[in-house]
Amino acid sequence: MDTIRADKWLWAVRLYKTRALAAAACKLNRVRLGDAFIKPSRDLRPGDIITVDKDQMVRTLKVLEVLDKRVGAQAVPDFMEEMTPEEEWERARAAREAARDNKVFDIGGVGRPTKKYRRQIEEFLREHGGG
């Protein structure tokens, strides 16, 4: 076997949790081979360099080997070489931190606030002149 479907390889090297998610990423133009977007059925060969838009970053990966079964996380470097520039990793870290910092008030889920949270809200409004 010297080729493998793109969706199957993306799933096997643990970039996506399911093969269906990998196929959906291809269909949504989030996976490229060179400058061209690829379909889930596109055959990948060792030496191909693909880019994947995932988790607020663009990862660049080199196919080292093809495989048809999902491998453990420790075996992934035998099948894929990470070529993503360090600047891309830094940009993704900064975006995650900014998203975390932008949380205004977490009431522990959706729906009505608990009695504890309601009291905290009332205390805050009393202290800051709210209604």
Protein backbone atom coordinates (compact mmCIF):
# COMPACT_ATOMS: atom_id res chain seq x y z
CA MET A 1 0.00 0.00 0.00
CA ASP A 2 1.67 3.22 -1.14
CA THR A 3 -1.32 5.60 -1.02
CA ILE A 4 -4.16 6.28 1.41
CA ARG A 5 -7.30 8.42 1.41
CA ALA A 6 -6.76 11.86 2.95
CA ASP A 7 -9.61 11.52 5.46
CA LYS A 8 -8.37 8.14 6.61
CA TRP A 9 -4.79 9.35 7.09
CA LEU A 10 -5.90 12.47 9.00
CA TRP A 11 -7.93 10.25 11.32
CA ALA A 12 -5.19 7.61 11.67
CA VAL A 13 -2.56 10.15 12.78
CA ARG A 14 -4.98 11.53 15.36
CA LEU A 15 -5.61 14.97 13.88
CA TYR A 16 -9.35 14.32 14.04
CA LYS A 17 -11.29 12.24 16.54
CA THR A 18 -13.40 10.52 13.88
CA ARG A 19 -13.00 9.84 10.21
CA ALA A 20 -16.25 11.68 9.59
CA LEU A 21 -14.76 14.85 11.13
CA ALA A 22 -11.68 14.46 8.93
CA ALA A 23 -13.89 14.09 5.84
CA ALA A 24 -15.94 17.13 6.87
CA ALA A 25 -12.75 19.20 7.24
CA CYS A 26 -11.77 18.26 3.68
CA LYS A 27 -15.24 19.13 2.38
CA LEU A 28 -15.12 22.50 4.17
CA ASN A 29 -11.82 23.36 2.43
CA ARG A 30 -9.70 23.15 5.56
CA VAL A 31 -7.16 20.71 4.13
CA ARG A 32 -4.80 21.57 1.27
CA LEU A 33 -2.14 19.72 -0.68
CA GLY A 34 0.11 22.42 -2.05
CA ASP A 35 -2.20 25.26 -3.04
CA ALA A 36 -5.19 23.06 -3.88
CA PHE A 37 -7.98 22.09 -1.52
CA ILE A 38 -8.43 18.33 -1.43
CA LYS A 39 -11.40 16.03 -1.23
CA PRO A 40 -11.62 13.30 1.44
CA SER A 41 -10.96 10.66 -1.23
CA ARG A 42 -7.70 12.27 -2.45
CA ASP A 43 -4.82 9.80 -2.23
CA LEU A 44 -1.84 10.87 -0.11
CA ARG A 45 1.64 9.48 -0.65
CA PRO A 46 4.79 9.58 1.49
CA GLY A 47 6.48 12.93 0.95
CA ASP A 48 3.26 14.91 0.44
CA ILE A 49 3.07 18.14 2.41
CA ILE A 50 -0.41 19.14 3.53
CA THR A 51 -1.76 22.10 5.46
CA VAL A 52 -4.66 21.74 7.86
CA ASP A 53 -6.69 24.67 9.26
CA LYS A 54 -7.63 23.47 12.74
CA ASP A 55 -7.94 24.90 16.24
CA GLN A 56 -7.27 28.53 15.30
CA MET A 57 -4.06 27.70 13.47
CA VAL A 58 -2.71 26.39 10.18
CA ARG A 59 -0.64 23.24 10.68
CA THR A 60 1.84 22.10 8.04
CA LEU A 61 2.47 18.35 7.98
CA LYS A 62 4.59 15.99 5.92
CA VAL A 63 3.31 12.48 5.23
CA LEU A 64 6.13 10.10 6.17
CA GLU A 65 4.23 6.83 5.81
CA VAL A 66 0.75 5.70 4.93
CA LEU A 67 -1.27 3.63 7.37
CA ASP A 68 -4.78 2.25 7.45
CA LYS A 69 -5.32 1.86 11.19
CA ARG A 70 -5.36 4.51 13.88
CA VAL A 71 -2.13 4.60 15.87
CA GLY A 72 -1.35 5.58 19.44
CA ALA A 73 -0.21 9.12 20.15
CA GLN A 74 3.39 8.03 20.74
CA ALA A 75 3.58 6.35 17.31
CA VAL A 76 2.32 9.40 15.37
CA PRO A 77 5.84 10.87 14.72
CA ASP A 78 6.69 7.72 12.74
CA PHE A 79 3.97 8.60 10.20
CA MET A 80 3.88 12.41 10.24
CA GLU A 81 6.45 15.19 10.47
CA GLU A 82 5.27 18.43 12.05
CA MET A 83 6.50 21.37 9.95
CA THR A 84 4.32 24.09 11.46
CA PRO A 85 6.34 27.29 12.10
CA GLU A 86 6.79 28.32 15.74
CA GLU A 87 5.07 31.66 15.02
CA GLU A 88 1.88 29.76 14.20
CA TRP A 89 1.99 27.93 17.54
CA GLU A 90 2.56 31.23 19.37
CA ARG A 91 -0.36 32.86 17.56
CA ALA A 92 -2.65 29.97 18.52
CA ARG A 93 -1.54 30.14 22.17
CA ALA A 94 -2.21 33.89 22.23
CA ALA A 95 -5.68 33.38 20.73
CA ARG A 96 -6.55 30.73 23.33
CA GLU A 97 -5.35 32.97 26.18
CA ALA A 98 -7.33 35.94 24.81
CA ALA A 99 -10.46 33.79 24.61
CA ARG A 100 -9.92 32.65 28.18
CA ASP A 101 -9.37 36.24 29.39
CA ASN A 102 -12.51 37.49 27.62
CA LYS A 103 -14.86 35.41 29.75
CA VAL A 104 -16.88 38.00 31.61
CA PHE A 105 -18.89 36.10 34.17
CA ASP A 106 -19.31 32.36 34.42
CA ILE A 107 -22.42 31.31 36.30
CA GLY A 108 -21.60 27.63 36.03
CA GLY A 109 -23.66 26.69 33.01
CA VAL A 110 -26.82 27.77 31.31
CA GLY A 111 -30.21 28.57 32.72
CA ARG A 112 -31.12 30.20 35.97
CA PRO A 113 -28.34 31.20 38.33
CA THR A 114 -28.01 29.21 41.52
CA LYS A 115 -28.88 30.82 44.83
CA LYS A 116 -25.18 31.36 45.51
CA TYR A 117 -24.58 33.11 42.17
CA ARG A 118 -27.75 35.17 42.52
CA ARG A 119 -26.50 36.47 45.89
CA GLN A 120 -23.13 37.31 44.35
CA ILE A 121 -24.85 39.21 41.55
CA GLU A 122 -27.05 41.10 44.00
CA GLU A 123 -24.03 41.99 46.16
CA PHE A 124 -22.13 43.21 43.10
CA LEU A 125 -25.05 45.37 42.00
CA ARG A 126 -25.42 46.84 45.51
CA GLU A 127 -21.72 47.73 45.66
CA HIS A 128 -21.59 49.22 42.18
CA GLY A 129 -24.85 51.15 42.23
CA GLY A 130 -26.86 48.85 40.01
CA GLY A 131 -30.65 48.37 40.31
